[in-house]
Amino acid sequence: MNDSSYNLVVGDSPVLISIPHLGTSLPADIKAALTQTGACVEDTDWHLDQLYDFAAAAGASMLTATLSRYVIDLNRPADGASLYPGQTTTGLVPLETFHGEPVYLPGAEPDEAEIQRRVARYWRPYHDELAAQIAAIKKKHGFVLLWEAHSINSVLPRLFDGVLPDLNFGTFEDKSAAPAIGQALCAVAAASPYSWVLNGRFKGGYITRHYGKPADHIHAVQLELAQHRYMDETAPFNYQQERARTLQTVLARLLAMATEMATQTSYSTFSYHPTHS
């Protein structure tokens, strides 16, 4: 099933991987309004569908954005409210890149009517499909593990100090997933070669916060990866197979452990068994 704002692969496990910042496409009218920097869509979460292909092979469903976050950010609330009040971040329709460069040509920034058009045309279909898949998975398995897959340049002075940890888990301070899941992720990360943090700079975006309802057996986790662990962080942003393969091994363990904890928490007998090794 396809829509202009997303692609969907339906699996048979309780795992749903959402990648809302994967897209690079730009409608022609919007692209014409962008700066040269904006048209390069450098703040994309590059290659995450390829990085997580092992999970889809193991039965996870995968919902991926096709349009750039510069068109509309699917991981922001439709009313544009800040997820991190008082901190520098990008909005529902970003006007600046993560480095602070303008996305739109002077005077071409979208007005409120245009933003609402994009919400209806691009934001809403993604979220309608996400909600539908969550409901279908819960009906089938009794619980859902929603895994919000993200990545970002490891050094962005405008957004955070120093170098970002490799693995940045967000469970909205245990509000979007059972505490046992966060604890299990930390245990796996601690045994890995990667640096990590739970609910640090990234606690979970709108999707994690809105859809994660542990009391209803819907557990949402965001993982923000430092991009240098699987790709080149500068253009042309090449995928690095050897680095990625090492990371995939850890990601498979993280997904397996999170699913096991979600299973136990939700009194389900289903267990997720990744095939990647």
C-alpha atoms as a PDB file:
ATOM      1  CA  MET A   1       0.000   0.000   0.000  1.00  0.00           C
ATOM      2  CA  ASN A   2       1.403   3.417  -0.929  1.00  0.00           C
ATOM      3  CA  ASP A   3       0.622   7.067  -0.394  1.00  0.00           C
ATOM      4  CA  SER A   4       2.614  10.006  -1.643  1.00  0.00           C
ATOM      5  CA  SER A   5       3.931  10.643   1.867  1.00  0.00           C
ATOM      6  CA  TYR A   6       4.864   7.079   2.861  1.00  0.00           C
ATOM      7  CA  ASN A   7       5.694   3.508   1.955  1.00  0.00           C
ATOM      8  CA  LEU A   8       4.463   0.571   4.006  1.00  0.00           C
ATOM      9  CA  VAL A   9       5.690  -3.000   4.369  1.00  0.00           C
ATOM     10  CA  VAL A  10       3.392  -5.141   6.501  1.00  0.00           C
ATOM     11  CA  GLY A  11       5.001  -7.900   8.537  1.00  0.00           C
ATOM     12  CA  ASP A  12       3.675 -10.562  10.875  1.00  0.00           C
ATOM     13  CA  SER A  13       5.422  -9.685  14.158  1.00  0.00           C
ATOM     14  CA  PRO A  14       4.402  -7.232  16.915  1.00  0.00           C
ATOM     15  CA  VAL A  15       7.184  -4.846  15.874  1.00  0.00           C
ATOM     16  CA  LEU A  16       6.421  -1.704  13.871  1.00  0.00           C
ATOM     17  CA  ILE A  17       9.372   0.397  12.719  1.00  0.00           C
ATOM     18  CA  SER A  18       8.525   3.993  11.831  1.00  0.00           C
ATOM     19  CA  ILE A  19      11.082   6.094   9.929  1.00  0.00           C
ATOM     20  CA  PRO A  20       9.487   9.537   9.532  1.00  0.00           C
ATOM     21  CA  HIS A  21      12.643  11.379   8.414  1.00  0.00           C
ATOM     22  CA  LEU A  22      13.834   8.973   5.717  1.00  0.00           C
ATOM     23  CA  GLY A  23      12.262  10.846   2.789  1.00  0.00           C
ATOM     24  CA  THR A  24      14.169  12.957   0.302  1.00  0.00           C
ATOM     25  CA  SER A  25      11.474  13.811  -2.241  1.00  0.00           C
ATOM     26  CA  LEU A  26      10.358  17.413  -2.748  1.00  0.00           C
ATOM     27  CA  PRO A  27       7.180  18.401  -4.625  1.00  0.00           C
ATOM     28  CA  ALA A  28       8.144  20.677  -7.507  1.00  0.00           C
ATOM     29  CA  ASP A  29       6.384  23.764  -6.157  1.00  0.00           C
ATOM     30  CA  ILE A  30       8.050  23.399  -2.760  1.00  0.00           C
ATOM     31  CA  LYS A  31      11.489  22.660  -4.220  1.00  0.00           C
ATOM     32  CA  ALA A  32      11.284  25.878  -6.246  1.00  0.00           C
ATOM     33  CA  ALA A  33      10.954  27.826  -2.972  1.00  0.00           C
ATOM     34  CA  LEU A  34      14.035  26.282  -1.330  1.00  0.00           C
ATOM     35  CA  THR A  35      17.572  27.564  -1.081  1.00  0.00           C
ATOM     36  CA  GLN A  36      20.326  25.483  -2.635  1.00  0.00           C
ATOM     37  CA  THR A  37      21.111  24.182   0.841  1.00  0.00           C
ATOM     38  CA  GLY A  38      17.472  23.331   1.468  1.00  0.00           C
ATOM     39  CA  ALA A  39      17.226  21.441  -1.814  1.00  0.00           C
ATOM     40  CA  CYS A  40      20.104  19.211  -0.678  1.00  0.00           C
ATOM     41  CA  VAL A  41      17.896  17.889   2.197  1.00  0.00           C
ATOM     42  CA  GLU A  42      21.010  17.321   4.299  1.00  0.00           C
ATOM     43  CA  ASP A  43      19.068  16.728   7.542  1.00  0.00           C
ATOM     44  CA  THR A  44      17.656  13.452   6.236  1.00  0.00           C
ATOM     45  CA  ASP A  45      17.884  10.280   8.351  1.00  0.00           C
ATOM     46  CA  TRP A  46      19.859   8.637   5.575  1.00  0.00           C
ATOM     47  CA  HIS A  47      19.733   4.908   4.722  1.00  0.00           C
ATOM     48  CA  LEU A  48      17.735   3.768   7.752  1.00  0.00           C
ATOM     49  CA  ASP A  49      15.527   1.512   5.650  1.00  0.00           C
ATOM     50  CA  GLN A  50      18.673  -0.279   4.513  1.00  0.00           C
ATOM     51  CA  LEU A  51      20.111  -0.371   8.013  1.00  0.00           C
ATOM     52  CA  TYR A  52      16.922  -1.937   9.413  1.00  0.00           C
ATOM     53  CA  ASP A  53      16.294  -4.304   6.513  1.00  0.00           C
ATOM     54  CA  PHE A  54      17.157  -7.260   8.765  1.00  0.00           C
ATOM     55  CA  ALA A  55      14.156  -6.412  10.951  1.00  0.00           C
ATOM     56  CA  ALA A  56      11.761  -6.373   8.025  1.00  0.00           C
ATOM     57  CA  ALA A  57      13.176  -9.745   6.974  1.00  0.00           C
ATOM     58  CA  ALA A  58      12.400 -11.022  10.473  1.00  0.00           C
ATOM     59  CA  GLY A  59       8.757  -9.956  10.239  1.00  0.00           C
ATOM     60  CA  ALA A  60       8.673  -6.387  11.468  1.00  0.00           C
ATOM     61  CA  SER A  61       6.323  -3.966   9.724  1.00  0.00           C
ATOM     62  CA  MET A  62       7.992  -0.820   8.399  1.00  0.00           C
ATOM     63  CA  LEU A  63       6.432   2.567   7.690  1.00  0.00           C
ATOM     64  CA  THR A  64       8.770   5.000   5.946  1.00  0.00           C
ATOM     65  CA  ALA A  65       8.381   8.590   4.808  1.00  0.00           C
ATOM     66  CA  THR A  66       9.008   9.458   1.172  1.00  0.00           C
ATOM     67  CA  LEU A  67       8.984  13.262   1.476  1.00  0.00           C
ATOM     68  CA  SER A  68      11.732  15.344   3.040  1.00  0.00           C
ATOM     69  CA  ARG A  69      11.207  16.678   6.538  1.00  0.00           C
ATOM     70  CA  TYR A  70      11.639  20.136   4.950  1.00  0.00           C
ATOM     71  CA  VAL A  71       8.198  19.656   3.383  1.00  0.00           C
ATOM     72  CA  ILE A  72       6.691  18.803   6.760  1.00  0.00           C
ATOM     73  CA  ASP A  73       8.104  17.106   9.823  1.00  0.00           C
ATOM     74  CA  LEU A  74       6.048  14.015  10.571  1.00  0.00           C
ATOM     75  CA  ASN A  75       7.562  13.783  14.052  1.00  0.00           C
ATOM     76  CA  ARG A  76       6.205  17.128  15.233  1.00  0.00           C
ATOM     77  CA  PRO A  77       2.672  17.811  16.503  1.00  0.00           C
ATOM     78  CA  ALA A  78       0.294  19.198  13.903  1.00  0.00           C
ATOM     79  CA  ASP A  79      -0.167  22.388  15.934  1.00  0.00           C
ATOM     80  CA  GLY A  80       3.560  23.112  15.825  1.00  0.00           C
ATOM     81  CA  ALA A  81       4.061  23.065  19.610  1.00  0.00           C
ATOM     82  CA  SER A  82       7.696  22.680  20.704  1.00  0.00           C
ATOM     83  CA  LEU A  83       8.695  19.281  22.048  1.00  0.00           C
ATOM     84  CA  TYR A  84      11.638  20.772  23.940  1.00  0.00           C
ATOM     85  CA  PRO A  85      10.584  24.180  25.262  1.00  0.00           C
ATOM     86  CA  GLY A  86      13.539  26.464  25.808  1.00  0.00           C
ATOM     87  CA  GLN A  87      15.863  24.420  23.592  1.00  0.00           C
ATOM     88  CA  THR A  88      16.836  24.996  19.986  1.00  0.00           C
ATOM     89  CA  THR A  89      15.014  22.613  17.678  1.00  0.00           C
ATOM     90  CA  THR A  90      13.294  22.571  14.293  1.00  0.00           C
ATOM     91  CA  GLY A  91       9.567  22.954  13.813  1.00  0.00           C
ATOM     92  CA  LEU A  92       6.669  21.424  11.963  1.00  0.00           C
ATOM     93  CA  VAL A  93       7.918  23.030   8.745  1.00  0.00           C
ATOM     94  CA  PRO A  94      11.614  23.717   9.329  1.00  0.00           C
ATOM     95  CA  LEU A  95      12.820  27.128   8.210  1.00  0.00           C
ATOM     96  CA  GLU A  96      16.452  26.449   9.100  1.00  0.00           C
ATOM     97  CA  THR A  97      18.729  23.423   8.821  1.00  0.00           C
ATOM     98  CA  PHE A  98      20.296  21.839  11.880  1.00  0.00           C
ATOM     99  CA  HIS A  99      23.305  24.084  11.197  1.00  0.00           C
ATOM    100  CA  GLY A 100      21.117  27.186  11.188  1.00  0.00           C
ATOM    101  CA  GLU A 101      21.143  27.836   7.439  1.00  0.00           C
ATOM    102  CA  PRO A 102      17.903  29.010   5.762  1.00  0.00           C
ATOM    103  CA  VAL A 103      15.835  26.310   4.067  1.00  0.00           C
ATOM    104  CA  TYR A 104      13.604  28.702   2.104  1.00  0.00           C
ATOM    105  CA  LEU A 105      14.428  31.572  -0.202  1.00  0.00           C
ATOM    106  CA  PRO A 106      13.722  35.035   1.281  1.00  0.00           C
ATOM    107  CA  GLY A 107      10.000  35.723   1.158  1.00  0.00           C
ATOM    108  CA  ALA A 108       9.165  32.133   0.096  1.00  0.00           C
ATOM    109  CA  GLU A 109       8.593  30.746   3.568  1.00  0.00           C
ATOM    110  CA  PRO A 110       5.236  28.961   3.876  1.00  0.00           C
ATOM    111  CA  ASP A 111       2.426  30.864   5.563  1.00  0.00           C
ATOM    112  CA  GLU A 112      -0.075  29.321   7.955  1.00  0.00           C
ATOM    113  CA  ALA A 113      -2.501  28.352   5.187  1.00  0.00           C
ATOM    114  CA  GLU A 114       0.269  26.532   3.332  1.00  0.00           C
ATOM    115  CA  ILE A 115       1.387  24.763   6.485  1.00  0.00           C
ATOM    116  CA  GLN A 116      -2.139  23.539   7.130  1.00  0.00           C
ATOM    117  CA  ARG A 117      -2.385  22.361   3.526  1.00  0.00           C
ATOM    118  CA  ARG A 118       0.735  20.274   4.067  1.00  0.00           C
ATOM    119  CA  VAL A 119      -0.631  18.900   7.324  1.00  0.00           C
ATOM    120  CA  ALA A 120      -3.746  17.683   5.517  1.00  0.00           C
ATOM    121  CA  ARG A 121      -1.966  16.473   2.398  1.00  0.00           C
ATOM    122  CA  TYR A 122       1.195  14.886   3.827  1.00  0.00           C
ATOM    123  CA  TRP A 123       1.227  14.755   7.648  1.00  0.00           C
ATOM    124  CA  ARG A 124      -2.246  13.293   8.202  1.00  0.00           C
ATOM    125  CA  PRO A 125      -1.953  10.273   5.859  1.00  0.00           C
ATOM    126  CA  TYR A 126       1.250   9.103   7.571  1.00  0.00           C
ATOM    127  CA  HIS A 127      -0.327   9.323  10.996  1.00  0.00           C
ATOM    128  CA  ASP A 128      -3.568   7.725   9.875  1.00  0.00           C
ATOM    129  CA  GLU A 129      -1.584   4.768   8.530  1.00  0.00           C
ATOM    130  CA  LEU A 130       0.575   4.600  11.645  1.00  0.00           C
ATOM    131  CA  ALA A 131      -2.503   4.489  13.875  1.00  0.00           C
ATOM    132  CA  ALA A 132      -4.108   1.850  11.671  1.00  0.00           C
ATOM    133  CA  GLN A 133      -1.045  -0.392  11.787  1.00  0.00           C
ATOM    134  CA  ILE A 134      -0.743  -0.038  15.555  1.00  0.00           C
ATOM    135  CA  ALA A 135      -4.383  -1.056  15.941  1.00  0.00           C
ATOM    136  CA  ALA A 136      -3.968  -4.034  13.595  1.00  0.00           C
ATOM    137  CA  ILE A 137      -0.828  -5.292  15.334  1.00  0.00           C
ATOM    138  CA  LYS A 138      -2.360  -4.936  18.773  1.00  0.00           C
ATOM    139  CA  LYS A 139      -5.464  -6.821  17.655  1.00  0.00           C
ATOM    140  CA  LYS A 140      -3.307  -9.661  16.334  1.00  0.00           C
ATOM    141  CA  HIS A 141      -0.661  -9.894  19.056  1.00  0.00           C
ATOM    142  CA  GLY A 142      -2.142  -8.155  22.088  1.00  0.00           C
ATOM    143  CA  PHE A 143       0.671  -5.608  22.237  1.00  0.00           C
ATOM    144  CA  VAL A 144       2.861  -3.444  19.990  1.00  0.00           C
ATOM    145  CA  LEU A 145       6.495  -2.416  20.029  1.00  0.00           C
ATOM    146  CA  LEU A 146       6.680   0.835  18.049  1.00  0.00           C
ATOM    147  CA  TRP A 147      10.324   1.529  17.226  1.00  0.00           C
ATOM    148  CA  GLU A 148      10.957   5.088  16.076  1.00  0.00           C
ATOM    149  CA  ALA A 149      14.116   4.911  13.967  1.00  0.00           C
ATOM    150  CA  HIS A 150      16.139   8.113  13.627  1.00  0.00           C
ATOM    151  CA  SER A 151      19.701   9.234  12.979  1.00  0.00           C
ATOM    152  CA  ILE A 152      21.588  12.505  13.081  1.00  0.00           C
ATOM    153  CA  ASN A 153      25.004  14.029  12.548  1.00  0.00           C
ATOM    154  CA  SER A 154      27.067  13.357  15.655  1.00  0.00           C
ATOM    155  CA  VAL A 155      28.324  16.963  15.944  1.00  0.00           C
ATOM    156  CA  LEU A 156      25.747  19.755  15.759  1.00  0.00           C
ATOM    157  CA  PRO A 157      26.760  22.648  18.045  1.00  0.00           C
ATOM    158  CA  ARG A 158      23.463  24.447  17.420  1.00  0.00           C
ATOM    159  CA  LEU A 159      21.500  21.549  18.927  1.00  0.00           C
ATOM    160  CA  PHE A 160      23.789  19.932  21.497  1.00  0.00           C
ATOM    161  CA  ASP A 161      27.220  20.229  23.086  1.00  0.00           C
ATOM    162  CA  GLY A 162      30.136  18.043  22.109  1.00  0.00           C
ATOM    163  CA  VAL A 163      29.729  14.708  20.351  1.00  0.00           C
ATOM    164  CA  LEU A 164      26.406  12.884  20.541  1.00  0.00           C
ATOM    165  CA  PRO A 165      26.453   9.371  22.037  1.00  0.00           C
ATOM    166  CA  ASP A 166      26.148   6.587  19.481  1.00  0.00           C
ATOM    167  CA  LEU A 167      22.832   5.241  20.784  1.00  0.00           C
ATOM    168  CA  ASN A 168      20.287   7.745  22.103  1.00  0.00           C
ATOM    169  CA  PHE A 169      17.236   5.973  23.489  1.00  0.00           C
ATOM    170  CA  GLY A 170      14.065   7.875  24.275  1.00  0.00           C
ATOM    171  CA  THR A 171      11.102   6.542  26.224  1.00  0.00           C
ATOM    172  CA  PHE A 172       9.792   9.942  27.307  1.00  0.00           C
ATOM    173  CA  GLU A 173      11.020   9.259  30.841  1.00  0.00           C
ATOM    174  CA  ASP A 174       9.276   5.831  30.872  1.00  0.00           C
ATOM    175  CA  LYS A 175       5.944   7.337  29.821  1.00  0.00           C
ATOM    176  CA  SER A 176       5.965   5.841  26.304  1.00  0.00           C
ATOM    177  CA  ALA A 177       7.253   2.356  27.155  1.00  0.00           C
ATOM    178  CA  ALA A 178       7.363   0.119  30.189  1.00  0.00           C
ATOM    179  CA  PRO A 179      10.394   0.894  32.402  1.00  0.00           C
ATOM    180  CA  ALA A 180      11.624  -2.682  31.936  1.00  0.00           C
ATOM    181  CA  ILE A 181      12.101  -1.985  28.247  1.00  0.00           C
ATOM    182  CA  GLY A 182      14.360   0.996  28.852  1.00  0.00           C
ATOM    183  CA  GLN A 183      16.332  -0.997  31.416  1.00  0.00           C
ATOM    184  CA  ALA A 184      16.773  -3.875  28.979  1.00  0.00           C
ATOM    185  CA  LEU A 185      17.950  -1.539  26.215  1.00  0.00           C
ATOM    186  CA  CYS A 186      20.530  -0.042  28.547  1.00  0.00           C
ATOM    187  CA  ALA A 187      21.816  -3.512  29.432  1.00  0.00           C
ATOM    188  CA  VAL A 188      22.271  -4.449  25.780  1.00  0.00           C
ATOM    189  CA  ALA A 189      23.894  -1.102  24.988  1.00  0.00           C
ATOM    190  CA  ALA A 190      26.275  -1.408  27.937  1.00  0.00           C
ATOM    191  CA  ALA A 191      27.525  -4.734  26.537  1.00  0.00           C
ATOM    192  CA  SER A 192      28.030  -3.227  23.068  1.00  0.00           C
ATOM    193  CA  PRO A 193      30.991  -1.263  21.669  1.00  0.00           C
ATOM    194  CA  TYR A 194      28.854   1.886  21.478  1.00  0.00           C
ATOM    195  CA  SER A 195      28.323   4.858  23.773  1.00  0.00           C
ATOM    196  CA  TRP A 196      24.720   5.348  24.813  1.00  0.00           C
ATOM    197  CA  VAL A 197      22.237   7.310  26.883  1.00  0.00           C
ATOM    198  CA  LEU A 198      18.604   6.883  27.897  1.00  0.00           C
ATOM    199  CA  ASN A 199      16.349   9.969  27.853  1.00  0.00           C
ATOM    200  CA  GLY A 200      19.210  12.369  27.320  1.00  0.00           C
ATOM    201  CA  ARG A 201      19.076  15.098  24.666  1.00  0.00           C
ATOM    202  CA  PHE A 202      16.492  13.044  22.773  1.00  0.00           C
ATOM    203  CA  LYS A 203      13.651  11.761  24.939  1.00  0.00           C
ATOM    204  CA  GLY A 204      11.328  10.854  22.069  1.00  0.00           C
ATOM    205  CA  GLY A 205       9.558  12.999  19.525  1.00  0.00           C
ATOM    206  CA  TYR A 206       5.870  13.467  18.861  1.00  0.00           C
ATOM    207  CA  ILE A 207       5.290   9.947  17.548  1.00  0.00           C
ATOM    208  CA  THR A 208       6.904   8.296  20.554  1.00  0.00           C
ATOM    209  CA  ARG A 209       5.074  10.533  23.011  1.00  0.00           C
ATOM    210  CA  HIS A 210       1.689  10.444  21.290  1.00  0.00           C
ATOM    211  CA  TYR A 211       1.383   6.766  20.432  1.00  0.00           C
ATOM    212  CA  GLY A 212       3.278   5.170  23.306  1.00  0.00           C
ATOM    213  CA  LYS A 213       0.709   3.973  25.841  1.00  0.00           C
ATOM    214  CA  PRO A 214       2.261   1.273  28.037  1.00  0.00           C
ATOM    215  CA  ALA A 215      -0.925   0.816  30.051  1.00  0.00           C
ATOM    216  CA  ASP A 216      -2.633  -0.153  26.775  1.00  0.00           C
ATOM    217  CA  HIS A 217       0.290  -2.437  25.796  1.00  0.00           C
ATOM    218  CA  ILE A 218       1.599  -0.050  23.142  1.00  0.00           C
ATOM    219  CA  HIS A 219       5.280   0.521  23.862  1.00  0.00           C
ATOM    220  CA  ALA A 220       7.089   3.236  21.869  1.00  0.00           C
ATOM    221  CA  VAL A 221      10.859   3.692  21.829  1.00  0.00           C
ATOM    222  CA  GLN A 222      12.874   6.233  19.867  1.00  0.00           C
ATOM    223  CA  LEU A 223      16.444   5.442  18.914  1.00  0.00           C
ATOM    224  CA  GLU A 224      18.478   8.344  17.567  1.00  0.00           C
ATOM    225  CA  LEU A 225      21.687   6.975  16.066  1.00  0.00           C
ATOM    226  CA  ALA A 226      24.896   8.913  15.545  1.00  0.00           C
ATOM    227  CA  GLN A 227      25.280   8.686  11.788  1.00  0.00           C
ATOM    228  CA  HIS A 228      29.028   8.151  11.713  1.00  0.00           C
ATOM    229  CA  ARG A 229      28.422   4.656  13.081  1.00  0.00           C
ATOM    230  CA  TYR A 230      26.983   3.451   9.777  1.00  0.00           C
ATOM    231  CA  MET A 231      27.581   6.135   7.101  1.00  0.00           C
ATOM    232  CA  ASP A 232      29.581   9.206   6.115  1.00  0.00           C
ATOM    233  CA  GLU A 233      28.231  12.320   7.803  1.00  0.00           C
ATOM    234  CA  THR A 234      29.197  14.630   4.935  1.00  0.00           C
ATOM    235  CA  ALA A 235      27.873  14.716   1.367  1.00  0.00           C
ATOM    236  CA  PRO A 236      27.275  12.518  -0.518  1.00  0.00           C
ATOM    237  CA  PHE A 237      26.366  10.695   2.742  1.00  0.00           C
ATOM    238  CA  ASN A 238      27.521   7.258   1.639  1.00  0.00           C
ATOM    239  CA  TYR A 239      26.396   4.096   3.433  1.00  0.00           C
ATOM    240  CA  GLN A 240      29.354   2.233   4.956  1.00  0.00           C
ATOM    241  CA  GLN A 241      28.637  -1.469   4.822  1.00  0.00           C
ATOM    242  CA  GLU A 242      31.195  -2.724   7.358  1.00  0.00           C
ATOM    243  CA  ARG A 243      30.277  -0.150   9.984  1.00  0.00           C
ATOM    244  CA  ALA A 244      26.606  -0.809   9.341  1.00  0.00           C
ATOM    245  CA  ARG A 245      26.976  -4.575   9.689  1.00  0.00           C
ATOM    246  CA  THR A 246      28.479  -4.202  13.155  1.00  0.00           C
ATOM    247  CA  LEU A 247      25.700  -1.839  14.180  1.00  0.00           C
ATOM    248  CA  GLN A 248      23.000  -4.138  12.785  1.00  0.00           C
ATOM    249  CA  THR A 249      24.126  -6.899  15.119  1.00  0.00           C
ATOM    250  CA  VAL A 250      23.518  -4.631  18.111  1.00  0.00           C
ATOM    251  CA  LEU A 251      20.245  -3.316  16.697  1.00  0.00           C
ATOM    252  CA  ALA A 252      18.973  -6.876  16.315  1.00  0.00           C
ATOM    253  CA  ARG A 253      19.757  -7.563  19.975  1.00  0.00           C
ATOM    254  CA  LEU A 254      18.073  -4.334  21.038  1.00  0.00           C
ATOM    255  CA  LEU A 255      14.898  -5.136  19.098  1.00  0.00           C
ATOM    256  CA  ALA A 256      14.835  -8.689  20.385  1.00  0.00           C
ATOM    257  CA  MET A 257      15.266  -7.644  24.007  1.00  0.00           C
ATOM    258  CA  ALA A 258      12.758  -4.807  23.773  1.00  0.00           C
ATOM    259  CA  THR A 259      10.214  -7.176  22.243  1.00  0.00           C
ATOM    260  CA  GLU A 260      10.845  -9.786  24.912  1.00  0.00           C
ATOM    261  CA  MET A 261      10.267  -7.210  27.642  1.00  0.00           C
ATOM    262  CA  ALA A 262       7.145  -5.912  25.898  1.00  0.00           C
ATOM    263  CA  THR A 263       5.907  -9.488  25.668  1.00  0.00           C
ATOM    264  CA  GLN A 264       6.425 -10.109  29.371  1.00  0.00           C
ATOM    265  CA  THR A 265       4.925  -6.772  30.359  1.00  0.00           C
ATOM    266  CA  SER A 266       1.883  -7.325  28.177  1.00  0.00           C
ATOM    267  CA  TYR A 267       1.331 -10.968  29.177  1.00  0.00           C
ATOM    268  CA  SER A 268       1.700 -12.119  25.585  1.00  0.00           C
ATOM    269  CA  THR A 269       3.212 -15.399  24.516  1.00  0.00           C
ATOM    270  CA  PHE A 270       4.590 -14.048  21.239  1.00  0.00           C
ATOM    271  CA  SER A 271       8.356 -13.593  20.947  1.00  0.00           C
ATOM    272  CA  TYR A 272      10.311 -11.767  18.245  1.00  0.00           C
ATOM    273  CA  HIS A 273      13.240 -13.668  16.746  1.00  0.00           C
ATOM    274  CA  PRO A 274      15.491 -11.610  14.468  1.00  0.00           C
ATOM    275  CA  THR A 275      17.322 -13.529  11.781  1.00  0.00           C
ATOM    276  CA  HIS A 276      20.307 -11.203  11.461  1.00  0.00           C
ATOM    277  CA  SER A 277      23.577 -12.261  13.019  1.00  0.00           C
END
